């Protein structure tokens, strides 16, 4: 259809040429018929002659009905014809012979004209038959061209559908690869964040230890100084003691506050890590579920391909209808059949032998698309009538 639409000018030109040829054939046939008819009477003269024989003139007149109709019935009153002379008889015979030759020539001429008319008619009919065959051939050629155009359009549509399916599969594969890459990047980022937090905690703890060590050192120095000046600064010692007690209380409170903050931070960090770990596990489970679903679909398609291969190689035995039985096939990774078994009856010994022959004829089986899909032992329902 696409070819006819693209070449519409050629189609119109072909139709016009056919119409002109048909008109010429019609006019040519009519012209030949009219010419033949006109030639049939052209130049013809109707000659009527009657030869009077001396001895049988009365007999000829009696046997000729036209003469009896035109001449009077009372012949007795007519005078007797005179007996012709030998010269007149010879002349009459010559005239008769000439008339006979002329009639013979006229008959031959008419026969020739009829033959020519018949030949012209035959040629016209042959020409019309040839034109009819040519038109039929052209119609067949146009139908064949349209059929091929439809087949090409269908092939193009199938190719486009296949390309679309491959593009979608490639896009899905890329999306899965991108999701996996993002998951790996997120895990790496989380590990880096955890390392940074760990470094910060260790730095804080180190600073606190150093602060405590410095405070203890200062306290020891202060105690030694107070011991040396104990006698002179008793009053100041009590104040100093109180101040040190207050400072210690505050330090203790600050330490407890810091400890509580640290515990809260650690609890929050632990909770955050637990949430992130749960998220990673959920994402891993989801990815595993998608992979399992894809593997299950591929395995189903693979088993269906094996089933189709066996059923296509099955030859129906006479009288076998509604064949149905379960088949177990053992195979090697390359698809070679190492064994098989019919799990139940297939409807008779002949039917079971035909199923076994179909299984042997299917060796090797279609190869599995991947190792995850391959199974050394496969069971399927042999149902060629469904």
Protein backbone atom coordinates (compact mmCIF):
# COMPACT_ATOMS: atom_id res chain seq x y z
CA UNK A 1 0.00 0.00 0.00
CA UNK A 2 2.85 2.38 0.75
CA UNK A 3 4.43 1.67 -2.67
CA UNK A 4 1.13 2.46 -4.50
CA UNK A 5 0.69 5.67 -2.51
CA UNK A 6 4.26 6.79 -3.29
CA UNK A 7 3.93 5.91 -7.04
CA UNK A 8 0.41 7.27 -7.68
CA UNK A 9 1.55 9.10 -10.83
CA UNK A 10 2.74 5.81 -12.36
CA UNK A 11 -0.59 4.12 -11.44
CA UNK A 12 -2.63 6.92 -13.11
CA UNK A 13 -0.42 6.74 -16.25
CA UNK A 14 -0.85 2.93 -16.43
CA UNK A 15 -4.66 3.21 -16.13
CA UNK A 16 -4.72 5.87 -18.89
CA UNK A 17 -2.63 3.72 -21.23
CA UNK A 18 -4.96 0.74 -20.64
CA UNK A 19 -8.01 2.86 -21.44
CA UNK A 20 -6.47 4.11 -24.72
CA UNK A 21 -5.49 0.56 -25.77
CA UNK A 22 -9.02 -0.72 -25.01
CA UNK A 23 -10.57 2.11 -27.07
CA UNK A 24 -8.26 1.38 -30.01
CA UNK A 25 -9.12 -2.33 -29.86
CA UNK A 26 -12.85 -1.53 -29.82
CA UNK A 27 -12.61 0.86 -32.78
CA UNK A 28 -10.34 -1.56 -34.69
CA UNK A 29 -12.77 -4.48 -34.25
CA UNK A 30 -15.78 -2.40 -35.40
CA UNK A 31 -13.86 -1.07 -38.40
CA UNK A 32 -12.80 -4.56 -39.45
CA UNK A 33 -16.38 -5.86 -39.12
CA UNK A 34 -17.89 -2.98 -41.10
CA UNK A 35 -15.22 -3.26 -43.79
CA UNK A 36 -15.80 -6.96 -44.14
CA UNK A 37 -19.55 -6.42 -44.41
CA UNK A 38 -19.17 -3.66 -46.97
CA UNK A 39 -16.73 -5.72 -49.01
CA UNK A 40 -19.23 -8.55 -49.14
CA UNK A 41 -21.61 -6.66 -51.51
CA UNK A 42 -19.28 -4.14 -53.17
CA UNK A 43 -19.10 -4.51 -56.91
CA UNK A 44 -21.53 -7.41 -56.98
CA UNK A 45 -24.19 -7.50 -59.68
CA UNK A 46 -27.07 -9.87 -59.58
CA UNK A 47 -27.30 -11.58 -62.97
CA UNK A 48 -30.19 -13.81 -63.76
CA UNK A 49 -29.96 -15.81 -66.97
CA UNK A 50 -31.90 -18.67 -68.43
CA UNK A 51 -30.63 -20.93 -71.15
CA UNK A 52 -33.30 -22.44 -73.35
CA UNK A 53 -32.35 -25.88 -74.50
CA UNK A 54 -33.93 -27.01 -77.74
CA UNK A 55 -35.19 -30.31 -76.41
CA UNK A 56 -36.07 -29.48 -72.83
CA UNK A 57 -37.38 -25.95 -72.88
CA UNK A 58 -40.88 -27.01 -71.87
CA UNK A 59 -39.54 -29.21 -69.06
CA UNK A 60 -37.41 -26.40 -67.59
CA UNK A 61 -40.30 -24.04 -67.69
CA UNK A 62 -42.51 -26.55 -65.90
CA UNK A 63 -39.89 -27.20 -63.15
CA UNK A 64 -39.15 -23.49 -62.53
CA UNK A 65 -41.69 -22.14 -60.01
CA UNK A 66 -40.77 -18.55 -60.66
CA UNK A 67 -41.57 -18.93 -64.25
CA UNK A 68 -44.91 -20.44 -63.45
CA UNK A 69 -45.70 -17.49 -61.23
CA UNK A 70 -44.80 -14.76 -63.68
CA UNK A 71 -45.96 -16.19 -67.03
CA UNK A 72 -49.60 -16.55 -67.98
CA UNK A 73 -51.21 -19.90 -67.45
CA UNK A 74 -52.66 -20.13 -70.92
CA UNK A 75 -49.60 -21.33 -72.79
CA UNK A 76 -51.60 -22.85 -75.56
CA UNK A 77 -52.25 -19.45 -77.05
CA UNK A 78 -48.52 -18.59 -77.30
CA UNK A 79 -46.72 -19.45 -80.51
CA UNK A 80 -44.23 -22.30 -80.52
CA UNK A 81 -40.62 -21.20 -80.20
CA UNK A 82 -38.48 -21.60 -83.16
CA UNK A 83 -35.82 -24.28 -83.15
CA UNK A 84 -32.45 -22.60 -82.62
CA UNK A 85 -29.74 -23.02 -85.14
CA UNK A 86 -26.42 -24.77 -84.33
CA UNK A 87 -24.66 -21.41 -84.14
CA UNK A 88 -27.24 -20.11 -81.69
CA UNK A 89 -26.88 -23.30 -79.63
CA UNK A 90 -23.11 -22.91 -79.49
CA UNK A 91 -23.51 -19.28 -78.54
CA UNK A 92 -25.96 -20.23 -75.81
CA UNK A 93 -23.63 -22.90 -74.52
CA UNK A 94 -20.74 -20.41 -74.50
CA UNK A 95 -22.87 -17.92 -72.65
CA UNK A 96 -23.86 -20.59 -70.16
CA UNK A 97 -20.24 -21.61 -69.69
CA UNK A 98 -19.22 -17.96 -69.24
CA UNK A 99 -22.01 -17.46 -66.76
CA UNK A 100 -20.95 -20.58 -64.89
CA UNK A 101 -17.32 -19.41 -64.83
CA UNK A 102 -18.47 -16.01 -63.62
CA UNK A 103 -20.54 -17.60 -60.85
CA UNK A 104 -17.64 -19.83 -59.92
CA UNK A 105 -15.30 -16.80 -59.78
CA UNK A 106 -17.89 -14.90 -57.74
CA UNK A 107 -18.23 -17.83 -55.36
CA UNK A 108 -14.47 -18.07 -54.99
CA UNK A 109 -14.26 -14.31 -54.43
CA UNK A 110 -16.96 -14.51 -51.76
CA UNK A 111 -15.24 -17.49 -50.14
CA UNK A 112 -11.94 -15.53 -50.10
CA UNK A 113 -13.70 -12.52 -48.55
CA UNK A 114 -15.34 -14.76 -45.93
CA UNK A 115 -11.95 -16.34 -45.20
CA UNK A 116 -10.38 -12.90 -44.83
CA UNK A 117 -13.21 -11.75 -42.58
CA UNK A 118 -12.84 -14.89 -40.48
CA UNK A 119 -9.05 -14.34 -40.28
CA UNK A 120 -9.56 -10.67 -39.28
CA UNK A 121 -12.09 -11.72 -36.67
CA UNK A 122 -9.72 -14.40 -35.36
CA UNK A 123 -6.86 -11.91 -35.17
CA UNK A 124 -9.10 -9.38 -33.38
CA UNK A 125 -10.18 -12.06 -30.90
CA UNK A 126 -6.55 -13.15 -30.41
CA UNK A 127 -5.54 -9.53 -29.88
CA UNK A 128 -8.37 -9.03 -27.38
CA UNK A 129 -7.39 -12.26 -25.60
CA UNK A 130 -3.74 -11.11 -25.46
CA UNK A 131 -4.85 -7.74 -24.06
CA UNK A 132 -7.03 -9.49 -21.51
CA UNK A 133 -4.10 -11.69 -20.44
CA UNK A 134 -1.79 -8.66 -20.28
CA UNK A 135 -4.28 -6.78 -18.09
CA UNK A 136 -4.67 -9.86 -15.88
CA UNK A 137 -0.88 -10.10 -15.60
CA UNK A 138 -0.69 -6.41 -14.69
CA UNK A 139 -3.38 -6.87 -12.04
CA UNK A 140 -1.50 -9.84 -10.64
CA UNK A 141 1.72 -7.81 -10.65
CA UNK A 142 0.00 -4.95 -8.82
CA UNK A 143 -1.47 -7.37 -6.27
CA UNK A 144 1.97 -8.96 -5.81
CA UNK A 145 3.56 -5.53 -5.38
CA UNK A 146 0.93 -4.59 -2.80
CA UNK A 147 1.46 -7.89 -0.96
CA UNK A 148 5.23 -7.36 -0.91
CA UNK A 149 4.71 -3.81 0.32
CA UNK A 150 2.52 -5.11 3.15
CA UNK A 151 5.12 -7.74 4.01
CA UNK A 152 7.87 -5.11 4.03
CA UNK A 153 5.74 -2.84 6.24
CA UNK A 154 5.07 -5.72 8.63
CA UNK A 155 8.79 -6.60 8.73
CA UNK A 156 9.62 -2.96 9.42
CA UNK A 157 7.02 -2.84 12.20
CA UNK A 158 8.45 -6.01 13.76
CA UNK A 159 11.98 -4.61 13.51
CA UNK A 160 10.86 -1.39 15.21
CA UNK A 161 9.12 -3.37 17.97
CA UNK A 162 12.26 -5.49 18.49
CA UNK A 163 14.46 -2.37 18.59
CA UNK A 164 12.09 -0.78 21.11
CA UNK A 165 12.14 -3.90 23.28
CA UNK A 166 15.95 -3.98 23.22
CA UNK A 167 16.12 -0.27 24.01
CA UNK A 168 13.78 -0.75 26.97
CA UNK A 169 15.82 -3.72 28.21
CA UNK A 170 19.02 -1.69 27.86
CA UNK A 171 17.43 1.25 29.71
CA UNK A 172 16.30 -1.07 32.51
CA UNK A 173 19.79 -2.59 32.75
CA UNK A 174 21.36 0.87 32.89
CA UNK A 175 18.86 1.96 35.55
CA UNK A 176 19.72 -1.08 37.68
CA UNK A 177 23.45 -0.43 37.21
CA UNK A 178 22.94 3.23 38.17
CA UNK A 179 20.97 2.24 41.27
CA UNK A 180 23.70 -0.22 42.26
CA UNK A 181 26.37 2.45 41.70
CA UNK A 182 24.44 4.95 43.82
CA UNK A 183 24.03 2.37 46.59
CA UNK A 184 27.76 1.69 46.57
CA UNK A 185 28.50 5.42 46.60
CA UNK A 186 26.10 5.93 49.51
CA UNK A 187 27.70 3.10 51.45
CA UNK A 188 31.14 4.59 50.81
CA UNK A 189 29.92 8.04 51.92
CA UNK A 190 28.43 6.58 55.09
CA UNK A 191 31.70 4.79 55.86
CA UNK A 192 33.60 8.05 55.41
CA UNK A 193 31.13 9.91 57.62
CA UNK A 194 31.45 7.28 60.33
CA UNK A 195 35.25 7.50 60.16
CA UNK A 196 35.06 11.29 60.47
CA UNK A 197 32.78 11.07 63.48
CA UNK A 198 35.04 8.49 65.09
CA UNK A 199 38.02 10.80 64.61
CA UNK A 200 36.09 13.68 66.17
CA UNK A 201 35.13 11.53 69.19
CA UNK A 202 38.71 10.43 69.69
CA UNK A 203 39.90 14.05 69.49
CA UNK A 204 37.32 15.14 72.09
CA UNK A 205 38.24 12.30 74.43
CA UNK A 206 41.93 13.15 74.07
CA UNK A 207 41.26 16.80 74.88
CA UNK A 208 39.23 15.81 77.95
CA UNK A 209 41.97 13.50 79.19
CA UNK A 210 44.54 16.22 78.74
CA UNK A 211 42.35 18.69 80.55
CA UNK A 212 41.83 16.32 83.44
CA UNK A 213 45.57 15.60 83.62
CA UNK A 214 46.32 19.32 83.61
CA UNK A 215 43.77 19.94 86.33
CA UNK A 216 45.19 17.15 88.45
CA UNK A 217 48.71 18.50 87.97
CA UNK A 218 47.62 21.97 89.00
CA UNK A 219 45.79 20.56 92.00
CA UNK A 220 48.87 18.68 93.15
CA UNK A 221 50.97 21.83 92.77
CA UNK A 222 48.42 23.84 94.65
CA UNK A 223 48.30 21.28 97.46
CA UNK A 224 52.05 21.32 97.79
CA UNK A 225 52.02 25.11 97.81
CA UNK A 226 49.28 25.16 100.46
CA UNK A 227 51.21 22.65 102.56
CA UNK A 228 54.25 24.90 102.52
CA UNK A 229 52.17 27.97 103.45
CA UNK A 230 49.76 26.14 105.78
CA UNK A 231 50.84 27.94 108.89
CA UNK A 232 50.73 31.39 107.38
CA UNK A 233 47.53 31.18 105.38
CA UNK A 234 45.06 29.15 107.44
CA UNK A 235 42.29 31.54 106.80
CA UNK A 236 43.05 31.69 103.17
CA UNK A 237 43.41 27.91 103.12
CA UNK A 238 39.83 27.46 104.30
CA UNK A 239 38.66 29.86 101.63
CA UNK A 240 40.87 28.19 99.14
CA UNK A 241 39.49 24.84 100.17
CA UNK A 242 35.97 26.04 99.76
CA UNK A 243 36.86 27.53 96.44
CA UNK A 244 38.49 24.30 95.40
CA UNK A 245 35.47 22.35 96.61
CA UNK A 246 33.18 24.60 94.60
CA UNK A 247 35.46 24.33 91.64
CA UNK A 248 35.50 20.55 91.98
CA UNK A 249 31.74 20.45 92.22
CA UNK A 250 31.43 22.55 89.13
CA UNK A 251 34.02 20.46 87.36
CA UNK A 252 32.17 17.33 88.37
CA UNK A 253 28.89 18.80 87.19
CA UNK A 254 30.55 19.84 83.94
CA UNK A 255 32.03 16.40 83.55
CA UNK A 256 28.66 14.79 84.19
CA UNK A 257 27.03 17.17 81.73
CA UNK A 258 29.65 16.32 79.13
CA UNK A 259 29.21 12.66 79.85
CA UNK A 260 25.45 12.95 79.38
CA UNK A 261 25.96 14.90 76.14
CA UNK A 262 28.46 12.33 74.96
CA UNK A 263 26.09 9.48 75.82
CA UNK A 264 23.24 11.25 74.03
CA UNK A 265 25.43 11.86 71.00
CA UNK A 266 26.58 8.26 70.97
CA UNK A 267 22.98 7.06 71.34
CA UNK A 268 21.88 9.34 68.49
CA UNK A 269 24.79 8.16 66.35
CA UNK A 270 23.98 4.54 67.15
CA UNK A 271 20.34 5.14 66.23
CA UNK A 272 21.38 6.85 62.99
CA UNK A 273 23.67 3.95 62.16
CA UNK A 274 20.86 1.50 62.89
CA UNK A 275 18.48 3.40 60.60
CA UNK A 276 21.09 3.57 57.83
CA UNK A 277 21.87 -0.13 58.26
CA UNK A 278 18.15 -0.97 58.07
CA UNK A 279 17.82 1.19 54.95
CA UNK A 280 20.77 -0.55 53.30
CA UNK A 281 19.35 -3.95 54.19
CA UNK A 282 15.92 -2.97 52.78
CA UNK A 283 17.54 -1.74 49.58
CA UNK A 284 19.57 -4.95 49.34
CA UNK A 285 16.42 -7.04 49.87
CA UNK A 286 14.58 -5.07 47.20
CA UNK A 287 17.44 -5.50 44.71
CA UNK A 288 17.59 -9.23 45.51
CA UNK A 289 13.81 -9.45 44.98
CA UNK A 290 14.10 -7.81 41.57
CA UNK A 291 16.90 -10.17 40.61
CA UNK A 292 14.89 -13.19 41.82
CA UNK A 293 11.81 -12.00 39.86
CA UNK A 294 13.87 -11.54 36.71
CA UNK A 295 15.46 -14.96 37.17
CA UNK A 296 12.01 -16.50 37.71
CA UNK A 297 10.68 -14.91 34.50
CA UNK A 298 13.70 -16.09 32.53
CA UNK A 299 13.35 -19.60 33.97
CA UNK A 300 9.66 -19.70 33.01
CA UNK A 301 10.47 -18.57 29.47
CA UNK A 302 13.30 -21.13 29.29
CA UNK A 303 11.01 -24.01 30.37
CA UNK A 304 8.38 -22.83 27.88
CA UNK A 305 11.01 -22.88 25.11
CA UNK A 306 11.89 -26.51 25.99
CA UNK A 307 8.18 -27.40 26.05
CA UNK A 308 7.63 -25.75 22.64
CA UNK A 309 10.65 -27.59 21.18
CA UNK A 310 9.35 -31.01 22.28
CA UNK A 311 5.74 -30.31 21.17
CA UNK A 312 6.92 -29.03 17.76
CA UNK A 313 8.80 -32.34 17.19
CA UNK A 314 5.78 -34.47 18.17
CA UNK A 315 4.02 -36.47 15.46
CA UNK A 316 0.39 -37.23 16.33
CA UNK A 317 -0.41 -40.97 16.15
CA UNK A 318 -3.68 -41.99 14.47
CA UNK A 319 -6.72 -41.43 16.70
CA UNK A 320 -4.78 -39.56 19.42
CA UNK A 321 -6.67 -36.53 20.76
CA UNK A 322 -6.36 -34.35 23.89
CA UNK A 323 -2.88 -35.69 24.76
CA UNK A 324 -1.74 -34.50 28.20
CA UNK A 325 0.95 -35.82 30.53
CA UNK A 326 3.75 -34.60 32.76
CA UNK A 327 7.37 -35.01 31.57
CA UNK A 328 10.61 -34.91 33.55
CA UNK A 329 13.81 -34.28 31.55
CA UNK A 330 17.39 -34.48 32.84
CA UNK A 331 19.98 -32.46 30.90
CA UNK A 332 23.60 -31.36 30.87
CA UNK A 333 24.67 -27.68 30.85
CA UNK A 334 25.00 -27.79 27.07
CA UNK A 335 21.34 -28.92 26.65
CA UNK A 336 22.16 -32.61 25.96
CA UNK A 337 19.43 -34.90 27.32
CA UNK A 338 20.84 -37.39 29.83
CA UNK A 339 17.51 -38.96 30.71
CA UNK A 340 13.73 -38.43 30.75
CA UNK A 341 10.62 -39.94 32.33
CA UNK A 342 6.86 -39.74 31.68
CA UNK A 343 5.18 -38.98 35.01
CA UNK A 344 1.85 -40.65 34.38
CA UNK A 345 -0.08 -41.94 31.37
CA UNK A 346 -0.39 -39.95 28.14
CA UNK A 347 -3.51 -41.76 26.94
CA UNK A 348 -2.14 -45.02 25.60
CA UNK A 349 1.02 -46.85 24.58
CA UNK A 350 1.10 -45.28 21.08
CA UNK A 351 0.74 -41.79 22.49
CA UNK A 352 3.48 -42.41 25.05
CA UNK A 353 5.85 -43.75 22.36
CA UNK A 354 5.16 -40.66 20.23
CA UNK A 355 5.98 -38.37 23.20
CA UNK A 356 9.22 -40.26 23.87
CA UNK A 357 10.21 -39.96 20.19
CA UNK A 358 9.50 -36.20 20.32
CA UNK A 359 11.79 -35.86 23.39
CA UNK A 360 14.63 -37.79 21.68
CA UNK A 361 14.20 -35.71 18.53
CA UNK A 362 14.53 -32.48 20.62
CA UNK A 363 18.06 -33.39 21.80
CA UNK A 364 19.88 -31.06 22.36
CA UNK A 365 17.42 -28.81 24.19
CA UNK A 366 17.61 -24.98 23.97
CA UNK A 367 20.53 -23.60 26.01
CA UNK A 368 19.78 -21.68 29.20
CA UNK A 369 20.32 -17.89 28.91
CA UNK A 370 22.43 -17.91 32.12
CA UNK A 371 23.78 -20.24 34.81
CA UNK A 372 21.22 -18.87 37.28
CA UNK A 373 18.36 -20.03 35.00
CA UNK A 374 19.81 -23.48 34.17
CA UNK A 375 18.37 -26.53 35.95
CA UNK A 376 19.62 -30.04 35.36
CA UNK A 377 16.16 -31.49 35.99
CA UNK A 378 13.06 -29.87 34.44
CA UNK A 379 9.41 -30.87 34.62
CA UNK A 380 6.67 -29.56 32.31
CA UNK A 381 3.20 -30.56 31.09
CA UNK A 382 3.15 -31.98 27.55
CA UNK A 383 -0.10 -30.53 26.11
CA UNK A 384 0.18 -30.08 22.32
CA UNK A 385 -3.62 -29.66 21.89
CA UNK A 386 -3.81 -26.61 24.17
